[in-house]
C-alpha atoms as a PDB file:
ATOM      1  CA  MET A   1     118.383 103.101 109.549  1.00  0.00           C
ATOM      2  CA  ILE A   2     116.936 100.097 107.737  1.00  0.00           C
ATOM      3  CA  ARG A   3     118.350  96.763 108.773  1.00  0.00           C
ATOM      4  CA  THR A   4     117.652  93.679 106.639  1.00  0.00           C
ATOM      5  CA  LEU A   5     117.893  90.161 107.984  1.00  0.00           C
ATOM      6  CA  LEU A   6     117.985  87.297 105.500  1.00  0.00           C
ATOM      7  CA  LEU A   7     116.252  84.246 106.916  1.00  0.00           C
ATOM      8  CA  ARG A   8     115.641  80.683 106.162  1.00  0.00           C
ATOM      9  CA  VAL A   9     113.397  80.124 108.608  1.00  0.00           C
ATOM     10  CA  ALA A  10      90.778 107.180  98.645  1.00  0.00           C
ATOM     11  CA  ALA A  11      88.874 108.474  98.446  1.00  0.00           C
ATOM     12  CA  ALA A  12      85.888 108.034 100.775  1.00  0.00           C
ATOM     13  CA  SER A  13      84.515 104.696 101.842  1.00  0.00           C
ATOM     14  CA  ALA A  14      82.335 103.088  99.200  1.00  0.00           C
ATOM     15  CA  PHE A  15      80.718 100.505 101.443  1.00  0.00           C
ATOM     16  CA  THR A  16      81.337  98.170 104.369  1.00  0.00           C
ATOM     17  CA  VAL A  17      81.174  94.383 104.254  1.00  0.00           C
ATOM     18  CA  ALA A  18      81.615  91.666 106.856  1.00  0.00           C
ATOM     19  CA  SER A  19      85.010  89.989 106.954  1.00  0.00           C
ATOM     20  CA  ALA A  20      84.943  87.210 104.388  1.00  0.00           C
ATOM     21  CA  ALA A  21      85.751  83.740 105.607  1.00  0.00           C
ATOM     22  CA  ALA A  22      87.923  83.328 102.498  1.00  0.00           C
ATOM     23  CA  ALA A  23      90.198  86.263 103.363  1.00  0.00           C
ATOM     24  CA  HIS A  24      93.695  85.095 104.230  1.00  0.00           C
ATOM     25  CA  ASP A  25      95.668  88.197 105.088  1.00  0.00           C
ATOM     26  CA  PHE A  26      99.352  88.146 106.006  1.00  0.00           C
ATOM     27  CA  PHE A  27      99.835  90.780 108.704  1.00  0.00           C
ATOM     28  CA  LEU A  28     102.077  91.818 111.592  1.00  0.00           C
ATOM     29  CA  MET A  29     100.649  92.546 115.044  1.00  0.00           C
ATOM     30  CA  PRO A  30     102.734  94.134 117.810  1.00  0.00           C
ATOM     31  CA  GLU A  31     102.081  93.138 121.394  1.00  0.00           C
ATOM     32  CA  GLN A  32     100.955  96.754 121.828  1.00  0.00           C
ATOM     33  CA  PHE A  33     100.642  99.606 119.328  1.00  0.00           C
ATOM     34  CA  ALA A  34     101.893 101.979 122.029  1.00  0.00           C
ATOM     35  CA  THR A  35     104.506 100.807 124.504  1.00  0.00           C
ATOM     36  CA  GLU A  36     106.252 102.594 127.346  1.00  0.00           C
ATOM     37  CA  ARG A  37     109.249 100.292 127.083  1.00  0.00           C
ATOM     38  CA  ALA A  38     112.073 101.207 124.704  1.00  0.00           C
ATOM     39  CA  GLY A  39     114.584  98.679 123.465  1.00  0.00           C
ATOM     40  CA  THR A  40     112.629  95.451 122.953  1.00  0.00           C
ATOM     41  CA  VAL A  41     109.238  95.023 121.258  1.00  0.00           C
ATOM     42  CA  ALA A  42     107.301  91.798 120.611  1.00  0.00           C
ATOM     43  CA  ILE A  43     105.576  91.362 117.223  1.00  0.00           C
ATOM     44  CA  GLN A  44     103.625  88.438 115.760  1.00  0.00           C
ATOM     45  CA  ALA A  45     103.498  87.403 112.095  1.00  0.00           C
ATOM     46  CA  THR A  46     100.295  85.584 111.183  1.00  0.00           C
ATOM     47  CA  VAL A  47      97.972  84.673 108.312  1.00  0.00           C
ATOM     48  CA  GLY A  48      94.220  84.558 108.732  1.00  0.00           C
ATOM     49  CA  SER A  49      90.762  86.042 108.403  1.00  0.00           C
ATOM     50  CA  SER A  50      90.367  87.130 112.027  1.00  0.00           C
ATOM     51  CA  PHE A  51      92.218  90.464 112.203  1.00  0.00           C
ATOM     52  CA  PRO A  52      93.420  91.612 114.675  1.00  0.00           C
ATOM     53  CA  ALA A  53      93.614  88.181 116.333  1.00  0.00           C
ATOM     54  CA  PRO A  54      96.412  85.846 115.181  1.00  0.00           C
ATOM     55  CA  GLU A  55      95.181  82.688 113.488  1.00  0.00           C
ATOM     56  CA  ASN A  56      97.855  80.724 111.614  1.00  0.00           C
ATOM     57  CA  VAL A  57     101.615  80.551 112.110  1.00  0.00           C
ATOM     58  CA  VAL A  58     103.803  81.910 109.332  1.00  0.00           C
ATOM     59  CA  PRO A  59     106.473  79.202 109.021  1.00  0.00           C
ATOM     60  CA  ALA A  60     109.935  80.588 109.699  1.00  0.00           C
ATOM     61  CA  ASP A  61     111.316  79.002 106.542  1.00  0.00           C
ATOM     62  CA  ARG A  62     108.737  80.934 104.482  1.00  0.00           C
ATOM     63  CA  VAL A  63     110.073  84.321 105.663  1.00  0.00           C
ATOM     64  CA  GLU A  64     112.389  85.926 103.131  1.00  0.00           C
ATOM     65  CA  ARG A  65     113.373  89.224 104.760  1.00  0.00           C
ATOM     66  CA  LEU A  66     112.628  91.310 107.829  1.00  0.00           C
ATOM     67  CA  PHE A  67     113.018  95.077 108.090  1.00  0.00           C
ATOM     68  CA  ALA A  68     112.965  97.719 110.802  1.00  0.00           C
ATOM     69  CA  ALA A  69     113.194 101.515 110.731  1.00  0.00           C
ATOM     70  CA  GLY A  70     112.860 104.249 113.325  1.00  0.00           C
ATOM     71  CA  PRO A  71     114.813 106.161 115.962  1.00  0.00           C
ATOM     72  CA  GLY A  72     117.823 104.331 117.305  1.00  0.00           C
ATOM     73  CA  ASN A  73     119.149 101.270 115.514  1.00  0.00           C
ATOM     74  CA  PRO A  74     116.224  98.802 115.417  1.00  0.00           C
ATOM     75  CA  THR A  75     116.610  95.270 114.118  1.00  0.00           C
ATOM     76  CA  ILE A  76     114.251  92.277 114.057  1.00  0.00           C
ATOM     77  CA  LYS A  77     114.826  88.599 114.623  1.00  0.00           C
ATOM     78  CA  VAL A  78     112.707  85.452 114.726  1.00  0.00           C
ATOM     79  CA  LEU A  79     112.171  83.946 118.170  1.00  0.00           C
ATOM     80  CA  GLY A  80     110.183  80.913 117.046  1.00  0.00           C
ATOM     81  CA  ALA A  81     106.705  79.634 116.303  1.00  0.00           C
ATOM     82  CA  GLY A  82     103.878  80.209 118.743  1.00  0.00           C
ATOM     83  CA  GLU A  83     100.462  78.598 118.752  1.00  0.00           C
ATOM     84  CA  LYS A  84      98.954  80.933 116.130  1.00  0.00           C
ATOM     85  CA  ALA A  85     101.776  83.170 114.942  1.00  0.00           C
ATOM     86  CA  LEU A  86     105.489  83.392 114.335  1.00  0.00           C
ATOM     87  CA  ASN A  87     107.006  85.333 117.223  1.00  0.00           C
ATOM     88  CA  LEU A  88     109.342  88.162 116.257  1.00  0.00           C
ATOM     89  CA  GLN A  89     111.359  90.537 118.411  1.00  0.00           C
ATOM     90  CA  ALA A  90     112.485  94.064 117.575  1.00  0.00           C
ATOM     91  CA  THR A  91     115.464  95.336 119.537  1.00  0.00           C
ATOM     92  CA  GLY A  92     117.237  98.687 119.643  1.00  0.00           C
ATOM     93  CA  ALA A  93     114.023 100.721 119.341  1.00  0.00           C
ATOM     94  CA  GLN A  94     114.262 104.243 120.759  1.00  0.00           C
ATOM     95  CA  PRO A  95     111.411 106.714 121.475  1.00  0.00           C
ATOM     96  CA  GLY A  96     109.403 107.473 118.355  1.00  0.00           C
ATOM     97  CA  LEU A  97     107.578 105.563 115.629  1.00  0.00           C
ATOM     98  CA  LEU A  98     108.937 102.065 114.998  1.00  0.00           C
ATOM     99  CA  VAL A  99     108.166 100.561 111.594  1.00  0.00           C
ATOM    100  CA  ALA A 100     108.574  96.814 111.148  1.00  0.00           C
ATOM    101  CA  GLY A 101     108.097  94.879 107.925  1.00  0.00           C
ATOM    102  CA  GLY A 102     108.533  91.431 106.509  1.00  0.00           C
ATOM    103  CA  SER A 103     108.167  89.585 103.215  1.00  0.00           C
ATOM    104  CA  SER A 104     107.503  85.947 102.486  1.00  0.00           C
ATOM    105  CA  LYS A 105     109.351  83.977  99.836  1.00  0.00           C
ATOM    106  CA  PRO A 106     107.663  84.046  96.415  1.00  0.00           C
ATOM    107  CA  ARG A 107     105.549  80.938  95.935  1.00  0.00           C
ATOM    108  CA  ASP A 108     104.198  79.249  92.813  1.00  0.00           C
ATOM    109  CA  VAL A 109     100.496  78.437  93.192  1.00  0.00           C
ATOM    110  CA  ASP A 110      98.174  76.663  90.743  1.00  0.00           C
ATOM    111  CA  TYR A 111      94.464  77.446  91.158  1.00  0.00           C
ATOM    112  CA  GLU A 112      91.992  75.040  89.573  1.00  0.00           C
ATOM    113  CA  GLU A 113      88.696  76.143  88.029  1.00  0.00           C
ATOM    114  CA  ASP A 114      86.655  75.825  91.221  1.00  0.00           C
ATOM    115  CA  ARG A 115      89.036  78.081  93.187  1.00  0.00           C
ATOM    116  CA  ILE A 116      89.446  80.881  90.660  1.00  0.00           C
ATOM    117  CA  PRO A 117      86.151  82.740  91.318  1.00  0.00           C
ATOM    118  CA  LEU A 118      86.833  82.632  95.068  1.00  0.00           C
ATOM    119  CA  ILE A 119      90.299  84.147  94.695  1.00  0.00           C
ATOM    120  CA  LEU A 120      89.060  86.906  92.377  1.00  0.00           C
ATOM    121  CA  GLU A 121      86.300  87.682  94.864  1.00  0.00           C
ATOM    122  CA  GLU A 122      88.718  87.749  97.792  1.00  0.00           C
ATOM    123  CA  TYR A 123      91.315  90.050  96.237  1.00  0.00           C
ATOM    124  CA  ARG A 124      90.150  93.285  94.606  1.00  0.00           C
ATOM    125  CA  VAL A 125      92.281  93.906  91.528  1.00  0.00           C
ATOM    126  CA  LEU A 126      91.846  96.033  88.416  1.00  0.00           C
ATOM    127  CA  PRO A 127      89.122  94.877  85.991  1.00  0.00           C
ATOM    128  CA  GLU A 128      91.570  94.329  83.137  1.00  0.00           C
ATOM    129  CA  ALA A 129      93.694  92.008  85.274  1.00  0.00           C
ATOM    130  CA  ALA A 130      90.635  89.996  86.300  1.00  0.00           C
ATOM    131  CA  ALA A 131      89.545  89.890  82.659  1.00  0.00           C
ATOM    132  CA  ALA A 132      92.877  88.332  81.691  1.00  0.00           C
ATOM    133  CA  VAL A 133      92.159  85.503  84.130  1.00  0.00           C
ATOM    134  CA  GLU A 134      88.628  85.089  82.788  1.00  0.00           C
ATOM    135  CA  ALA A 135      90.063  84.817  79.262  1.00  0.00           C
ATOM    136  CA  LEU A 136      92.117  81.722  80.065  1.00  0.00           C
ATOM    137  CA  PRO A 137      90.901  78.583  78.250  1.00  0.00           C
ATOM    138  CA  LYS A 138      88.414  76.591  80.344  1.00  0.00           C
ATOM    139  CA  PRO A 139      88.630  74.467  82.361  1.00  0.00           C
ATOM    140  CA  ARG A 140      91.377  76.722  83.660  1.00  0.00           C
ATOM    141  CA  THR A 141      94.477  76.134  85.701  1.00  0.00           C
ATOM    142  CA  TRP A 142      95.503  79.597  86.803  1.00  0.00           C
ATOM    143  CA  GLN A 143      99.244  79.728  87.451  1.00  0.00           C
ATOM    144  CA  VAL A 144     100.332  82.428  89.888  1.00  0.00           C
ATOM    145  CA  ILE A 145     103.505  83.674  91.577  1.00  0.00           C
ATOM    146  CA  SER A 146     102.321  84.869  94.989  1.00  0.00           C
ATOM    147  CA  ARG A 147     104.347  87.522  96.859  1.00  0.00           C
ATOM    148  CA  ARG A 148     103.321  88.797 100.301  1.00  0.00           C
ATOM    149  CA  PHE A 149     104.538  91.784 102.305  1.00  0.00           C
ATOM    150  CA  ALA A 150     103.388  93.013 105.722  1.00  0.00           C
ATOM    151  CA  LYS A 151     104.171  96.112 107.746  1.00  0.00           C
ATOM    152  CA  THR A 152     103.220  97.574 111.140  1.00  0.00           C
ATOM    153  CA  PHE A 153     103.525 100.969 112.858  1.00  0.00           C
ATOM    154  CA  LEU A 154     103.863 101.264 116.640  1.00  0.00           C
ATOM    155  CA  CYS A 155     104.796 104.019 119.055  1.00  0.00           C
ATOM    156  CA  VAL A 156     107.703 103.491 121.437  1.00  0.00           C
ATOM    157  CA  GLN A 157     107.071 105.802 124.423  1.00  0.00           C
ATOM    158  CA  THR A 158     106.065 108.607 122.022  1.00  0.00           C
ATOM    159  CA  CYS A 159     105.076 109.071 118.394  1.00  0.00           C
ATOM    160  CA  GLN A 160     106.397 112.607 118.002  1.00  0.00           C
ATOM    161  CA  ASP A 161     109.154 111.395 115.647  1.00  0.00           C
ATOM    162  CA  ARG A 162     107.161 109.832 112.794  1.00  0.00           C
ATOM    163  CA  SER A 163     109.758 110.243 110.065  1.00  0.00           C
ATOM    164  CA  ALA A 164     110.141 106.470 109.626  1.00  0.00           C
ATOM    165  CA  SER A 165     106.508 106.211 108.516  1.00  0.00           C
ATOM    166  CA  GLU A 166     107.398 107.735 105.131  1.00  0.00           C
ATOM    167  CA  ARG A 167     110.220 105.317 104.442  1.00  0.00           C
ATOM    168  CA  ALA A 168     109.630 102.615 101.844  1.00  0.00           C
ATOM    169  CA  PHE A 169     111.315  99.230 102.247  1.00  0.00           C
ATOM    170  CA  GLY A 170     111.369  98.533  98.500  1.00  0.00           C
ATOM    171  CA  ALA A 171     108.584  95.942  98.373  1.00  0.00           C
ATOM    172  CA  HIS A 172     106.754  95.349  95.088  1.00  0.00           C
ATOM    173  CA  LEU A 173     103.556  96.649  96.746  1.00  0.00           C
ATOM    174  CA  GLU A 174     103.713  98.675  99.962  1.00  0.00           C
ATOM    175  CA  PHE A 175     101.935 101.272 102.084  1.00  0.00           C
ATOM    176  CA  ILE A 176     103.803 104.233 103.545  1.00  0.00           C
ATOM    177  CA  GLY A 177     102.536 106.781 106.083  1.00  0.00           C
ATOM    178  CA  ARG A 178     102.751 110.481 106.780  1.00  0.00           C
ATOM    179  CA  ARG A 179     104.647 112.385 109.464  1.00  0.00           C
ATOM    180  CA  SER A 180     101.488 114.347 110.261  1.00  0.00           C
ATOM    181  CA  GLY A 181      99.584 111.332 111.627  1.00  0.00           C
ATOM    182  CA  ASN A 182      97.375 108.365 110.787  1.00  0.00           C
ATOM    183  CA  ASP A 183      94.764 110.132 108.665  1.00  0.00           C
ATOM    184  CA  HIS A 184      96.051 109.136 105.252  1.00  0.00           C
ATOM    185  CA  PHE A 185      98.599 106.815 103.686  1.00  0.00           C
ATOM    186  CA  GLN A 186     100.069 106.172 100.264  1.00  0.00           C
ATOM    187  CA  LEU A 187     100.119 102.947  98.241  1.00  0.00           C
ATOM    188  CA  LEU A 188     103.284 102.317  96.232  1.00  0.00           C
ATOM    189  CA  ALA A 189     103.818  99.831  93.410  1.00  0.00           C
ATOM    190  CA  HIS A 190     107.493  99.342  92.584  1.00  0.00           C
ATOM    191  CA  GLY A 191     108.193 102.544  94.520  1.00  0.00           C
ATOM    192  CA  LYS A 192     105.689 104.733  92.635  1.00  0.00           C
ATOM    193  CA  PRO A 193     102.265 105.952  93.846  1.00  0.00           C
ATOM    194  CA  LEU A 194      99.410 103.719  92.677  1.00  0.00           C
ATOM    195  CA  ALA A 195      96.531 106.027  91.710  1.00  0.00           C
ATOM    196  CA  ASN A 196      92.805 105.225  91.695  1.00  0.00           C
ATOM    197  CA  TYR A 197      93.378 101.764  93.117  1.00  0.00           C
ATOM    198  CA  PRO A 198      91.178  99.600  95.382  1.00  0.00           C
ATOM    199  CA  VAL A 199      92.239  99.278  99.025  1.00  0.00           C
ATOM    200  CA  ASP A 200      90.562  97.487 101.935  1.00  0.00           C
ATOM    201  CA  LEU A 201      90.392  98.925 105.446  1.00  0.00           C
ATOM    202  CA  VAL A 202      89.744  96.291 108.136  1.00  0.00           C
ATOM    203  CA  ASP A 203      88.789  97.275 111.689  1.00  0.00           C
ATOM    204  CA  SER A 204      89.045  95.353 114.958  1.00  0.00           C
ATOM    205  CA  SER A 205      85.546  93.883 114.485  1.00  0.00           C
ATOM    206  CA  GLY A 206      86.650  92.291 111.212  1.00  0.00           C
ATOM    207  CA  LYS A 207      84.575  94.551 108.955  1.00  0.00           C
ATOM    208  CA  ARG A 208      86.163  95.539 105.662  1.00  0.00           C
ATOM    209  CA  ARG A 209      85.575  98.918 104.058  1.00  0.00           C
ATOM    210  CA  HIS A 210      86.292  99.316 100.374  1.00  0.00           C
ATOM    211  CA  LEU A 211      88.339 102.458  99.732  1.00  0.00           C
ATOM    212  CA  THR A 212      90.142 103.824  96.682  1.00  0.00           C
ATOM    213  CA  THR A 213      93.384 105.745  96.406  1.00  0.00           C
ATOM    214  CA  ASP A 214      93.199 109.207  94.876  1.00  0.00           C
ATOM    215  CA  ALA A 215      95.099 110.558  91.883  1.00  0.00           C
ATOM    216  CA  GLY A 216      98.241 110.845  94.010  1.00  0.00           C
ATOM    217  CA  GLY A 217      98.048 107.292  95.342  1.00  0.00           C
ATOM    218  CA  ASP A 218      96.824 108.460  98.758  1.00  0.00           C
ATOM    219  CA  VAL A 219      94.140 106.641 100.715  1.00  0.00           C
ATOM    220  CA  HIS A 220      92.201 108.832 103.155  1.00  0.00           C
ATOM    221  CA  LEU A 221      90.683 107.131 106.191  1.00  0.00           C
ATOM    222  CA  PRO A 222      87.057 107.686 107.168  1.00  0.00           C
ATOM    223  CA  ALA A 223      86.707 109.940 110.217  1.00  0.00           C
ATOM    224  CA  ASP A 224      85.069 107.174 112.268  1.00  0.00           C
ATOM    225  CA  ALA A 225      87.833 104.593 111.717  1.00  0.00           C
ATOM    226  CA  ARG A 226      89.346 104.042 115.167  1.00  0.00           C
ATOM    227  CA  GLY A 227      91.284 101.455 117.153  1.00  0.00           C
ATOM    228  CA  ALA A 228      93.395  98.670 115.614  1.00  0.00           C
ATOM    229  CA  LEU A 229      93.212  98.914 111.820  1.00  0.00           C
ATOM    230  CA  MET A 230      94.671  97.165 108.786  1.00  0.00           C
ATOM    231  CA  LEU A 231      95.095  98.460 105.250  1.00  0.00           C
ATOM    232  CA  PHE A 232      95.240  95.750 102.590  1.00  0.00           C
ATOM    233  CA  ALA A 233      95.777  95.777  98.818  1.00  0.00           C
ATOM    234  CA  ALA A 234      96.315  93.218  96.066  1.00  0.00           C
ATOM    235  CA  LYS A 235      97.874  93.797  92.642  1.00  0.00           C
ATOM    236  CA  LEU A 236      97.640  91.271  89.816  1.00  0.00           C
ATOM    237  CA  GLU A 237      99.907  91.463  86.776  1.00  0.00           C
ATOM    238  CA  PRO A 238      99.251  89.158  83.789  1.00  0.00           C
ATOM    239  CA  PRO A 239     102.297  87.694  82.001  1.00  0.00           C
ATOM    240  CA  ALA A 240     103.538  89.277  78.780  1.00  0.00           C
ATOM    241  CA  GLY A 241     102.899  85.974  77.017  1.00  0.00           C
ATOM    242  CA  HIS A 242     102.418  82.492  78.378  1.00  0.00           C
ATOM    243  CA  GLY A 243     103.469  82.026  81.973  1.00  0.00           C
ATOM    244  CA  ARG A 244     102.481  82.835  85.496  1.00  0.00           C
ATOM    245  CA  PHE A 245     100.525  85.825  86.696  1.00  0.00           C
ATOM    246  CA  THR A 246     102.148  87.817  89.523  1.00  0.00           C
ATOM    247  CA  LEU A 247      99.969  88.463  92.574  1.00  0.00           C
ATOM    248  CA  ASP A 248     101.338  90.950  95.101  1.00  0.00           C
ATOM    249  CA  LEU A 249      99.581  91.189  98.480  1.00  0.00           C
ATOM    250  CA  THR A 250     100.422  93.835 101.061  1.00  0.00           C
ATOM    251  CA  SER A 251      99.157  94.935 104.483  1.00  0.00           C
ATOM    252  CA  LEU A 252      99.816  97.662 107.037  1.00  0.00           C
ATOM    253  CA  THR A 253      98.608  97.480 110.642  1.00  0.00           C
ATOM    254  CA  PHE A 254      98.424 100.468 112.994  1.00  0.00           C
ATOM    255  CA  SER A 255      96.254 102.090 115.634  1.00  0.00           C
ATOM    256  CA  ARG A 256      94.224 105.294 115.280  1.00  0.00           C
ATOM    257  CA  THR A 257      92.950 106.843 118.476  1.00  0.00           C
ATOM    258  CA  ARG A 258      91.828 110.270 117.271  1.00  0.00           C
END
């Protein structure tokens, strides 16, 4: 069952690149991806370029919603800010796959001319969306509505019940999994598969592989991708007329051992 808490507070790999210093990913990291303890699970929400290590605290008042799904009746609450992350706690988790997610409040951001090339380099979006930014009159002030969503998968005692992995939380851009395991995932935009779309896979050393979803919106992991991993995608939508672009950023963290 999904519980919502309102808060104030591919294809094959194309190539591998080192983690860019400019990358600022919003992601969730559980204390452990596999825990023997049911009931209570610790999770950190952070923003940074050092996956899987936490780097910057997500302010509690920037969190819009938290979600949990899996066996039992899991819910999530905010415990408070740590040194490098916002500390969250999932309770009510029973044996099986626990899925936790969270979204930040939409934020208006204005990027000046000197920042625009860096942002377009950091986030891989469709060429036509990038072209719409390039077409703005120069010197440009690129007005954006930024929306971020993060998700994590972890096993509580066992991962035999993986049904929660296929459940979407209704985010504008979101990864879902498969009951069969951690070999491939699906990218959804507004609840529909996003075909032939760029996706980043980040490993525990910080290296980013550039992948692409297939015609069904599935991203297939390389056979050698192991350990703590993060999938990341960005989707840019130009306005119908004058106004702000919409930039959706999404991540999914999980562990792959075989």
